[in-house]
Amino acid sequence: MSRQDVNRSGEMEIFVRAVELGGFTAAAHACHMTPSAVSKLVARLETRLGTRLVNRSTRKLQLTPEGCAFYERSISILADIAEAERYASAGEQAAGPIRINTSASFGNHVLAPLVPAFLTLHPAVTLDITHTDKVIDLVEDRADVAIRAGPLKSSSLIARKLGATRKIIVASPTYLQEHGTPKSATDLKDHRRIGLSYARSIAGWPILHEGQVVELPVTPAIQVGDGEAMRHLAISGAGLARLTSFTVRADMEAGRLIPVLEDANPGDIEEFYAVYIGQGGPLPARVRALLDFLAEHVRL
């Protein structure tokens, strides 16, 4: 029999039960085996180890020095196995690291304010948060959860909807004082626009024009890699930016940014999802805890 075919933890468990219960018969009762099966198992164990573990000349089971050492190590190993199973169990308390990949805007304006409450609920969890607006490979980046907008492109991923938000064209008061406020879609061609430097599912800006929603091509004067950079540029007076409402809500309330062309806003909605790899088995407790928390607390 090869080492791969031997259930070594099972042998250890039966051997430990025999020692603790004082004999093969009692161990057989506890393990739903026959006494002869337990005796043969211990004999096979001794043959494989090349040493005697118990003395059979006495009426009571008596360990050899090698048997004592094997018994002590078996107890320790079985305890480690039990702990590993509890840790990995879907029903275990959430513990361990969670790697989260999210856009800079969502990370700063939605996720960050929720982190203290989540860690208070799950103090044994640690978070590793990466900001990028680009779509990543969860396996390659070793991310447990990615938070993304829009539909899934991979059937190997599972998405849990967190909410939806409008997009708004905004500009700073300084920019509008210097360049005027656009009154219609056709006015946008005369304004500096801030865009993203990577491909999007919708390249232009959807605008209501003469009762129809049209996608206005955008040739940005400035391109950046994430929505937070767009926001900062817009606040600085660099141009117009079209951003999710949660990204600019506080800025509009504070007067740092002003919505423009709201009459031409088609009201299109961008949905956000927590995306994770689905393999058919139960999720780790730490990941499930995060998904449940986000689904309950995210407000867009």
Protein backbone atom coordinates (compact mmCIF):
# COMPACT_ATOMS: atom_id res chain seq x y z
CA MET A 1 0.00 0.00 0.00
CA SER A 2 1.43 3.39 -1.01
CA ARG A 3 1.68 6.29 1.43
CA GLN A 4 -1.06 8.06 -0.56
CA ASP A 5 -3.45 5.14 0.13
CA VAL A 6 -2.92 5.25 3.92
CA ASN A 7 -5.37 7.27 5.98
CA ARG A 8 -2.73 8.31 8.49
CA SER A 9 -4.95 10.76 10.40
CA GLY A 10 -7.62 8.03 10.68
CA GLU A 11 -5.05 5.59 12.06
CA MET A 12 -3.83 8.18 14.54
CA GLU A 13 -7.36 8.87 15.73
CA ILE A 14 -8.13 5.19 16.33
CA PHE A 15 -4.78 4.65 18.06
CA VAL A 16 -5.39 7.66 20.35
CA ARG A 17 -8.89 6.40 21.20
CA ALA A 18 -7.48 2.98 22.08
CA VAL A 19 -4.94 4.55 24.41
CA GLU A 20 -7.42 6.93 26.04
CA LEU A 21 -10.11 4.26 26.49
CA GLY A 22 -7.65 1.66 27.73
CA GLY A 23 -7.93 -1.04 25.08
CA PHE A 24 -8.86 -2.21 21.62
CA THR A 25 -12.37 -3.36 22.57
CA ALA A 26 -13.40 0.02 23.98
CA ALA A 27 -11.87 1.82 20.99
CA ALA A 28 -13.70 -0.53 18.63
CA HIS A 29 -17.00 0.33 20.34
CA ALA A 30 -16.33 4.07 20.08
CA CYS A 31 -15.24 3.88 16.43
CA HIS A 32 -17.96 1.41 15.32
CA MET A 33 -15.39 -1.28 14.47
CA THR A 34 -14.66 -4.81 15.66
CA PRO A 35 -11.87 -5.37 18.21
CA SER A 36 -9.99 -7.52 15.69
CA ALA A 37 -10.16 -4.69 13.10
CA VAL A 38 -8.66 -2.25 15.62
CA SER A 39 -5.96 -4.77 16.55
CA LYS A 40 -5.08 -5.33 12.90
CA LEU A 41 -4.98 -1.57 12.24
CA VAL A 42 -2.51 -1.02 15.09
CA ALA A 43 -0.44 -3.95 13.86
CA ARG A 44 -0.30 -2.47 10.34
CA LEU A 45 0.67 0.88 11.86
CA GLU A 46 3.53 -0.76 13.78
CA THR A 47 4.70 -2.58 10.65
CA ARG A 48 4.75 0.61 8.63
CA LEU A 49 6.56 2.53 11.35
CA GLY A 50 8.99 -0.32 11.99
CA THR A 51 8.55 -0.23 15.76
CA ARG A 52 6.33 -1.65 18.51
CA LEU A 53 3.85 0.84 19.93
CA VAL A 54 2.03 -1.30 22.52
CA ASN A 55 2.91 -4.30 24.66
CA ARG A 56 0.31 -7.02 24.27
CA SER A 57 1.54 -9.30 27.05
CA THR A 58 -0.46 -7.51 29.73
CA ARG A 59 -4.24 -7.47 30.15
CA LYS A 60 -4.24 -3.69 30.06
CA LEU A 61 -2.96 -1.82 26.98
CA GLN A 62 0.57 -0.64 27.77
CA LEU A 63 2.52 1.77 25.58
CA THR A 64 6.18 1.35 24.71
CA PRO A 65 8.38 4.46 24.87
CA GLU A 66 7.95 4.73 21.08
CA GLY A 67 4.21 4.34 21.55
CA CYS A 68 4.18 7.14 24.12
CA ALA A 69 6.03 9.45 21.74
CA PHE A 70 3.70 8.56 18.86
CA TYR A 71 0.65 9.09 21.09
CA GLU A 72 1.79 12.58 22.15
CA ARG A 73 2.56 13.65 18.57
CA SER A 74 -0.73 12.18 17.32
CA ILE A 75 -2.69 14.28 19.83
CA SER A 76 -0.90 17.41 18.63
CA ILE A 77 -1.38 16.61 14.93
CA LEU A 78 -5.08 15.78 15.34
CA ALA A 79 -5.59 19.05 17.21
CA ASP A 80 -3.90 20.94 14.35
CA ILE A 81 -6.14 19.21 11.81
CA ALA A 82 -9.24 20.10 13.81
CA GLU A 83 -8.13 23.72 14.07
CA ALA A 84 -7.44 23.88 10.31
CA GLU A 85 -10.91 22.50 9.57
CA ARG A 86 -12.54 25.00 11.93
CA TYR A 87 -10.63 27.85 10.30
CA ALA A 88 -11.61 26.78 6.78
CA SER A 89 -15.21 25.96 7.67
CA ALA A 90 -17.89 28.11 6.03
CA GLY A 91 -19.54 28.43 9.42
CA GLU A 92 -16.43 29.57 11.29
CA GLN A 93 -15.95 33.09 12.58
CA ALA A 94 -14.55 35.41 9.92
CA ALA A 95 -10.78 35.65 10.30
CA GLY A 96 -7.74 36.27 8.13
CA PRO A 97 -6.83 38.60 5.26
CA ILE A 98 -9.22 39.84 2.56
CA ARG A 99 -7.75 41.33 -0.62
CA ILE A 100 -10.13 43.88 -2.16
CA ASN A 101 -9.69 45.51 -5.54
CA THR A 102 -11.87 48.53 -6.28
CA SER A 103 -11.97 51.76 -8.21
CA ALA A 104 -10.40 54.78 -6.57
CA SER A 105 -13.73 56.62 -6.43
CA PHE A 106 -15.65 53.74 -4.83
CA GLY A 107 -12.75 53.03 -2.50
CA ASN A 108 -12.50 56.60 -1.24
CA HIS A 109 -16.14 57.66 -1.12
CA VAL A 110 -18.05 54.44 -0.37
CA LEU A 111 -15.75 51.73 0.97
CA ALA A 112 -13.41 53.73 3.21
CA PRO A 113 -16.17 55.17 5.44
CA LEU A 114 -17.50 51.62 6.01
CA VAL A 115 -14.17 50.02 6.94
CA PRO A 116 -14.16 50.96 10.67
CA ALA A 117 -17.61 49.45 11.26
CA PHE A 118 -16.69 46.25 9.37
CA LEU A 119 -13.48 45.76 11.37
CA THR A 120 -15.35 46.40 14.61
CA LEU A 121 -17.74 43.57 13.69
CA HIS A 122 -14.91 41.29 12.52
CA PRO A 123 -11.76 42.15 14.49
CA ALA A 124 -9.94 38.99 13.34
CA VAL A 125 -10.10 40.13 9.69
CA THR A 126 -7.41 42.23 7.99
CA LEU A 127 -7.95 44.19 4.76
CA ASP A 128 -5.60 44.71 1.82
CA ILE A 129 -7.26 47.29 -0.47
CA THR A 130 -5.95 48.13 -3.94
CA HIS A 131 -7.35 51.00 -6.04
CA THR A 132 -7.49 50.73 -9.81
CA ASP A 133 -10.22 51.56 -12.31
CA LYS A 134 -8.96 48.95 -14.77
CA VAL A 135 -10.56 45.50 -14.89
CA ILE A 136 -8.29 42.92 -13.27
CA ASP A 137 -7.90 39.14 -13.29
CA LEU A 138 -8.94 38.07 -9.79
CA VAL A 139 -6.79 34.92 -9.86
CA GLU A 140 -3.69 36.66 -11.20
CA ASP A 141 -4.03 39.54 -8.74
CA ARG A 142 -4.96 37.19 -5.87
CA ALA A 143 -8.00 39.34 -5.09
CA ASP A 144 -10.80 37.85 -2.99
CA VAL A 145 -13.33 40.50 -4.06
CA ALA A 146 -13.34 43.10 -6.81
CA ILE A 147 -15.89 45.92 -6.83
CA ARG A 148 -16.78 46.90 -10.36
CA ALA A 149 -19.42 48.69 -12.41
CA GLY A 150 -21.27 47.08 -15.28
CA PRO A 151 -22.05 43.51 -16.39
CA LEU A 152 -19.73 40.53 -15.98
CA LYS A 153 -17.60 39.36 -18.88
CA SER A 154 -16.42 36.05 -17.37
CA SER A 155 -18.71 33.10 -16.59
CA SER A 156 -16.27 31.92 -13.89
CA LEU A 157 -17.13 34.95 -11.76
CA ILE A 158 -20.13 35.58 -9.53
CA ALA A 159 -21.45 39.07 -8.87
CA ARG A 160 -23.48 40.43 -5.99
CA LYS A 161 -25.22 43.70 -6.72
CA LEU A 162 -24.42 46.53 -4.30
CA GLY A 163 -26.47 49.32 -5.82
CA ALA A 164 -26.76 51.77 -8.68
CA THR A 165 -25.97 55.43 -9.21
CA ARG A 166 -26.51 58.25 -11.71
CA LYS A 167 -23.71 59.98 -13.56
CA ILE A 168 -23.47 63.75 -13.54
CA ILE A 169 -21.51 66.29 -15.60
CA VAL A 170 -19.81 68.70 -13.23
CA ALA A 171 -17.40 71.64 -13.29
CA SER A 172 -15.90 73.98 -10.74
CA PRO A 173 -17.32 77.50 -10.21
CA THR A 174 -13.96 78.89 -11.38
CA TYR A 175 -14.10 77.00 -14.66
CA LEU A 176 -17.69 78.06 -15.36
CA GLN A 177 -16.89 81.71 -14.59
CA GLU A 178 -14.00 81.65 -17.06
CA HIS A 179 -15.56 79.54 -19.84
CA GLY A 180 -19.31 79.90 -19.39
CA THR A 181 -21.92 77.27 -18.60
CA PRO A 182 -22.95 74.91 -21.45
CA LYS A 183 -26.67 75.15 -22.14
CA SER A 184 -27.06 72.25 -24.62
CA ALA A 185 -25.25 69.19 -25.92
CA THR A 186 -23.91 71.17 -28.87
CA ASP A 187 -22.19 73.58 -26.46
CA LEU A 188 -19.93 70.81 -25.15
CA LYS A 189 -17.68 70.98 -28.19
CA ASP A 190 -16.49 74.39 -27.00
CA HIS A 191 -15.48 73.12 -23.54
CA ARG A 192 -12.51 71.23 -22.15
CA ARG A 193 -13.53 67.75 -21.14
CA ILE A 194 -11.73 65.34 -18.85
CA GLY A 195 -11.82 61.68 -19.87
CA LEU A 196 -10.43 58.28 -18.93
CA SER A 197 -7.32 56.87 -20.57
CA TYR A 198 -8.66 53.30 -20.88
CA ALA A 199 -11.44 51.77 -22.94
CA ARG A 200 -14.96 51.84 -21.52
CA SER A 201 -18.08 49.94 -22.57
CA ILE A 202 -19.60 53.38 -23.37
CA ALA A 203 -16.93 55.60 -24.86
CA GLY A 204 -18.94 58.84 -25.12
CA TRP A 205 -21.27 60.83 -22.92
CA PRO A 206 -24.99 59.94 -23.23
CA ILE A 207 -26.93 63.20 -23.60
CA LEU A 208 -30.58 64.08 -24.22
CA HIS A 209 -30.72 65.98 -27.50
CA GLU A 210 -34.02 66.95 -29.12
CA GLY A 211 -35.88 64.29 -27.14
CA GLN A 212 -33.45 61.50 -28.04
CA VAL A 213 -30.58 59.99 -26.07
CA VAL A 214 -27.43 60.33 -28.14
CA GLU A 215 -23.91 59.28 -27.27
CA LEU A 216 -21.77 62.32 -27.69
CA PRO A 217 -18.22 61.42 -28.75
CA VAL A 218 -15.69 62.83 -26.32
CA THR A 219 -12.22 63.90 -27.38
CA PRO A 220 -10.89 64.86 -23.97
CA ALA A 221 -8.41 67.64 -23.48
CA ILE A 222 -7.10 65.66 -20.50
CA GLN A 223 -7.02 61.90 -19.97
CA VAL A 224 -6.47 60.23 -16.62
CA GLY A 225 -6.45 56.69 -15.25
CA ASP A 226 -9.21 56.87 -12.65
CA GLY A 227 -12.32 58.75 -11.56
CA GLU A 228 -10.70 60.27 -8.49
CA ALA A 229 -8.09 61.98 -10.66
CA MET A 230 -10.93 63.29 -12.84
CA ARG A 231 -12.65 64.68 -9.76
CA HIS A 232 -9.54 66.50 -8.53
CA LEU A 233 -8.93 67.99 -11.97
CA ALA A 234 -12.53 69.15 -12.17
CA ILE A 235 -12.28 70.79 -8.73
CA SER A 236 -9.09 72.55 -9.83
CA GLY A 237 -10.93 74.12 -12.79
CA ALA A 238 -9.34 71.99 -15.53
CA GLY A 239 -12.61 71.21 -17.31
CA LEU A 240 -15.88 69.29 -17.34
CA ALA A 241 -16.04 65.75 -15.97
CA ARG A 242 -18.80 63.14 -16.04
CA LEU A 243 -18.71 61.23 -12.76
CA THR A 244 -20.85 58.99 -10.57
CA SER A 245 -23.05 60.90 -8.16
CA PHE A 246 -21.48 59.37 -5.03
CA THR A 247 -18.07 60.60 -6.20
CA VAL A 248 -19.14 64.27 -6.36
CA ARG A 249 -22.03 64.44 -3.86
CA ALA A 250 -19.99 66.03 -1.07
CA ASP A 251 -18.28 68.39 -3.52
CA MET A 252 -21.62 69.63 -4.84
CA GLU A 253 -22.95 70.12 -1.33
CA ALA A 254 -19.83 72.12 -0.45
CA GLY A 255 -20.00 74.16 -3.67
CA ARG A 256 -16.67 72.87 -5.00
CA LEU A 257 -18.43 71.40 -8.06
CA ILE A 258 -21.60 72.44 -9.86
CA PRO A 259 -23.78 70.09 -11.96
CA VAL A 260 -24.29 71.23 -15.54
CA LEU A 261 -26.66 70.16 -18.31
CA GLU A 262 -28.95 68.39 -15.84
CA ASP A 263 -31.88 69.05 -18.19
CA ALA A 264 -30.01 66.97 -20.77
CA ASN A 265 -29.03 64.22 -18.34
CA PRO A 266 -30.66 61.01 -19.63
CA GLY A 267 -30.64 59.52 -16.12
CA ASP A 268 -28.69 56.46 -17.15
CA ILE A 269 -27.75 54.23 -14.22
CA GLU A 270 -24.40 52.60 -13.49
CA GLU A 271 -24.71 49.44 -11.41
CA PHE A 272 -21.99 48.33 -9.01
CA TYR A 273 -21.20 44.73 -8.09
CA ALA A 274 -18.98 42.85 -5.67
CA VAL A 275 -17.36 40.25 -7.92
CA TYR A 276 -15.72 37.04 -6.71
CA ILE A 277 -14.62 33.70 -8.08
CA GLY A 278 -17.32 31.04 -7.87
CA GLN A 279 -16.20 27.42 -7.77
CA GLY A 280 -19.34 25.76 -6.48
CA GLY A 281 -18.15 25.31 -2.88
CA PRO A 282 -18.84 27.41 0.22
CA LEU A 283 -17.15 30.77 0.46
CA PRO A 284 -14.56 31.38 3.18
CA ALA A 285 -16.27 32.95 6.18
CA ARG A 286 -14.15 36.12 5.89
CA VAL A 287 -15.25 36.70 2.27
CA ARG A 288 -18.88 35.90 2.96
CA ALA A 289 -18.84 38.33 5.91
CA LEU A 290 -17.54 41.14 3.69
CA LEU A 291 -20.08 40.46 0.92
CA ASP A 292 -22.97 40.41 3.40
CA PHE A 293 -21.74 43.61 5.05
CA LEU A 294 -21.38 45.48 1.76
CA ALA A 295 -24.77 44.34 0.51
CA GLU A 296 -26.38 45.68 3.69
CA HIS A 297 -24.47 48.95 4.14
CA VAL A 298 -23.46 50.30 0.71
CA ARG A 299 -25.56 53.31 -0.24
CA LEU A 300 -24.93 54.83 -3.66
